[in-house]
Protein backbone atom coordinates (compact mmCIF):
# COMPACT_ATOMS: atom_id res chain seq x y z
CA MET A 1 -59.15 145.57 17.29
CA THR A 2 -56.85 144.55 20.10
CA ALA A 3 -57.25 141.90 22.77
CA ALA A 4 -57.86 144.66 25.32
CA ASP A 5 -61.11 145.48 23.49
CA TYR A 6 -62.77 142.19 24.46
CA VAL A 7 -60.58 139.68 26.33
CA PRO A 8 -60.98 141.24 29.81
CA ALA A 9 -64.75 140.73 29.57
CA VAL A 10 -64.20 137.02 28.95
CA GLU A 11 -61.03 136.20 30.89
CA ALA A 12 -61.49 138.44 33.92
CA PRO A 13 -65.26 138.81 34.39
CA ASP A 14 -64.90 138.72 38.16
CA GLY A 15 -62.80 141.88 38.14
CA GLY A 16 -59.46 140.10 37.97
CA GLU A 17 -56.53 141.65 36.15
CA PHE A 18 -56.03 140.98 32.46
CA ASP A 19 -52.39 140.00 31.87
CA PRO A 20 -51.64 140.65 28.16
CA ASP A 21 -48.29 138.82 28.25
CA ALA A 22 -49.85 135.72 29.80
CA TRP A 23 -52.73 135.84 27.31
CA LEU A 24 -50.28 136.04 24.39
CA ALA A 25 -48.33 133.11 25.85
CA VAL A 26 -51.50 131.03 26.26
CA LEU A 27 -52.34 131.58 22.59
CA LEU A 28 -48.80 130.92 21.36
CA CYS A 29 -48.61 127.64 23.29
CA GLN A 30 -51.74 126.21 21.66
CA TYR A 31 -50.21 125.30 18.32
CA THR A 32 -46.86 124.73 16.65
CA ARG A 33 -45.16 127.46 14.68
CA ASP A 34 -46.24 125.88 11.37
CA GLU A 35 -49.86 125.57 12.49
CA HIS A 36 -49.93 129.21 13.62
CA LEU A 37 -48.31 130.37 10.38
CA ALA A 38 -50.81 128.47 8.23
CA ALA A 39 -53.79 129.97 10.10
CA LEU A 40 -52.32 133.48 10.06
CA ALA A 41 -51.59 133.20 6.33
CA LEU A 42 -55.23 132.30 5.73
CA LEU A 43 -56.38 135.29 7.80
CA ASN A 44 -54.03 137.49 5.79
CA HIS A 45 -55.70 136.18 2.64
CA PHE A 46 -59.12 137.06 4.08
CA THR A 47 -58.03 140.68 4.60
CA GLN A 48 -57.54 141.03 0.85
CA ASP A 49 -61.20 140.29 0.08
CA PRO A 50 -63.99 142.11 1.96
CA ASP A 51 -66.47 139.29 1.24
CA LEU A 52 -64.13 136.67 2.71
CA ALA A 53 -63.45 138.89 5.73
CA ALA A 54 -67.18 139.39 6.32
CA ALA A 55 -67.85 135.64 5.96
CA PHE A 56 -65.07 134.86 8.43
CA GLU A 57 -66.51 137.36 10.92
CA ARG A 58 -70.01 135.87 10.64
CA ASP A 59 -68.70 132.31 11.01
CA LEU A 60 -66.50 133.24 13.94
CA LEU A 61 -69.28 134.98 15.84
CA ARG A 62 -71.55 131.99 15.25
CA THR A 63 -69.04 129.35 16.38
CA VAL A 64 -67.24 130.81 19.42
CA PRO A 65 -68.65 130.42 22.94
CA PRO A 66 -71.55 132.84 23.59
CA GLU A 67 -69.65 134.98 26.13
CA LEU A 68 -66.82 135.49 23.65
CA ALA A 69 -69.27 136.30 20.84
CA ARG A 70 -70.96 138.92 23.06
CA ALA A 71 -67.61 140.49 23.96
CA LEU A 72 -66.48 140.55 20.31
CA LYS A 73 -69.75 142.10 19.12
CA ALA A 74 -69.53 144.79 21.81
CA ALA A 75 -65.94 145.59 20.79
CA LEU A 76 -66.87 145.70 17.10
CA ARG A 77 -69.62 148.22 17.90
CA GLY A 78 -67.24 150.27 20.08
CA ASP A 79 -69.17 149.53 23.28
CA THR A 80 -66.31 148.24 25.45
CA GLY A 81 -64.08 150.22 27.78
CA ALA A 82 -60.99 150.00 25.58
CA ALA A 83 -62.97 150.65 22.38
CA ARG A 84 -65.54 153.04 23.85
CA GLY A 85 -67.05 155.09 21.03
CA LYS A 86 -64.73 153.72 18.36
CA PRO A 87 -66.04 150.74 16.40
CA ARG A 88 -63.33 148.20 15.67
CA VAL A 89 -62.37 146.04 12.71
CA LEU A 90 -61.97 142.30 13.33
CA LEU A 91 -59.15 141.64 10.86
CA GLY A 92 -56.32 144.05 10.11
CA ARG A 93 -53.50 143.10 7.77
CA PRO A 94 -50.71 145.00 9.57
CA VAL A 95 -51.30 143.20 12.87
CA ILE A 96 -51.65 139.83 11.14
CA LEU A 97 -48.30 140.43 9.43
CA ARG A 98 -46.80 141.42 12.78
CA ALA A 99 -48.15 138.20 14.32
CA ILE A 100 -46.63 136.22 11.44
CA ARG A 101 -43.28 137.88 12.11
CA LEU A 102 -43.51 137.07 15.84
CA VAL A 103 -44.48 133.43 15.31
CA SER A 104 -41.86 132.86 12.61
CA HIS A 105 -39.13 133.58 15.17
CA LEU A 106 -40.52 131.28 17.86
CA ASN A 107 -41.03 127.63 18.50
CA PRO A 108 -44.02 128.28 20.77
CA ARG A 109 -44.48 124.87 22.37
CA ASP A 110 -40.78 124.52 23.21
CA ASP A 111 -40.21 127.96 24.74
CA PRO A 112 -39.94 127.72 28.56
CA ALA A 113 -40.55 131.48 29.01
CA LEU A 114 -43.84 131.23 27.11
CA THR A 115 -44.90 128.18 29.11
CA ALA A 116 -44.15 130.00 32.37
CA ALA A 117 -46.09 133.08 31.26
CA ALA A 118 -49.06 130.94 30.23
CA GLN A 119 -49.03 129.27 33.65
CA ARG A 120 -49.26 132.69 35.37
CA THR A 121 -52.92 132.80 34.47
CA GLY A 122 -53.56 129.96 36.92
CA ARG A 123 -55.94 128.46 34.38
CA PRO A 124 -55.60 125.53 32.07
CA THR A 125 -54.69 126.50 28.54
CA ARG A 126 -57.90 127.17 26.67
CA SER A 127 -58.49 125.43 23.44
CA PHE A 128 -59.48 127.49 20.41
CA ALA A 129 -59.88 126.43 16.80
CA PRO A 130 -56.80 127.35 14.75
CA LEU A 131 -58.38 130.35 12.95
CA THR A 132 -59.96 131.65 16.16
CA CYS A 133 -56.61 131.32 17.92
CA ALA A 134 -54.85 133.08 15.01
CA LYS A 135 -57.34 135.96 15.12
CA MET A 136 -56.88 136.31 18.90
CA LEU A 137 -53.11 136.05 18.48
CA ALA A 138 -53.16 138.96 16.02
CA HIS A 139 -55.28 140.96 18.48
CA ALA A 140 -52.85 140.14 21.30
CA VAL A 141 -49.95 141.29 19.11
CA ALA A 142 -51.92 144.48 18.32
CA LEU A 143 -51.64 145.45 21.99
CA GLY A 144 -47.93 145.93 21.37
CA LEU A 145 -48.43 148.36 18.51
CA GLY A 146 -48.67 151.29 20.90
CA ALA A 147 -45.36 150.41 22.50
CA HIS A 148 -43.70 149.97 19.11
CA SER A 149 -45.05 153.27 17.85
CA ARG A 150 -43.47 155.33 20.63
CA ARG A 151 -41.00 157.70 19.12
CA ALA A 152 -37.40 157.56 20.26
CA ASP A 153 -36.03 161.05 20.84
CA ASP A 154 -33.78 160.83 17.80
CA GLU A 155 -36.09 158.87 15.46
CA PRO A 156 -37.09 160.95 12.43
CA LEU A 157 -40.75 161.36 11.53
CA MET A 158 -42.35 160.40 8.24
CA GLY A 159 -45.83 161.73 7.63
CA GLY A 160 -46.18 162.54 11.35
CA LEU A 161 -45.38 158.94 12.39
CA PRO A 162 -42.13 157.48 13.71
CA GLU A 163 -40.18 156.47 10.62
CA SER A 164 -39.96 152.77 11.64
CA LEU A 165 -43.75 152.49 12.07
CA ALA A 166 -44.43 154.43 8.86
CA MET A 167 -42.09 152.16 6.88
CA GLU A 168 -43.70 149.03 8.33
CA MET A 169 -47.13 150.34 7.32
CA ILE A 170 -45.92 151.18 3.81
CA CYS A 171 -44.28 147.76 3.38
CA SER A 172 -47.40 145.95 4.55
CA GLY A 173 -49.56 147.82 2.06
CA THR A 174 -51.73 149.52 4.66
CA PRO A 175 -54.44 151.45 2.78
CA GLY A 176 -54.10 155.21 2.82
CA VAL A 177 -50.40 155.41 3.65
CA SER A 178 -49.28 156.31 0.15
CA SER A 179 -49.64 159.91 1.32
CA LEU A 180 -46.70 159.30 3.65
CA THR A 181 -44.39 158.89 0.67
CA GLY A 182 -45.95 161.68 -1.37
CA ARG A 183 -47.11 159.30 -4.12
């Protein structure tokens, strides 16, 4: 699931534009690097156990504001514009690992570019619980996967994917990618 699957229904219900960069900045500015990393590490742990992942999903949908819960449920069913016809998964290890990599290189609260991007929304920074923020942060990072998966003209392919993306998926232990290496 990406932020585009549900955030526009919550953040721009009046038809306003959804600004993914500003949304990412709003999320990054909510907590310190260490707080983000701790929450993302816990989400990564949840992805390793289907029962924990299901419990997290149930708890999240029960505790977030009703409009966000409705938008998330619609995205999970594949009922939203971005997810139309394709049910989504709430937690995905590759995007959580990508979010960990992003956060580990930032000091979110002290980055003037992030603060400026967050202010572009014209709204006060929303306050989310750490795990909710971490989940949304991973979904915001997932929006960038498409851009990162674009093949440079000279980048070799591995299993039909750009080599850099295929290697990242293999290193993160994404299920089903062992066929890329022939093992």
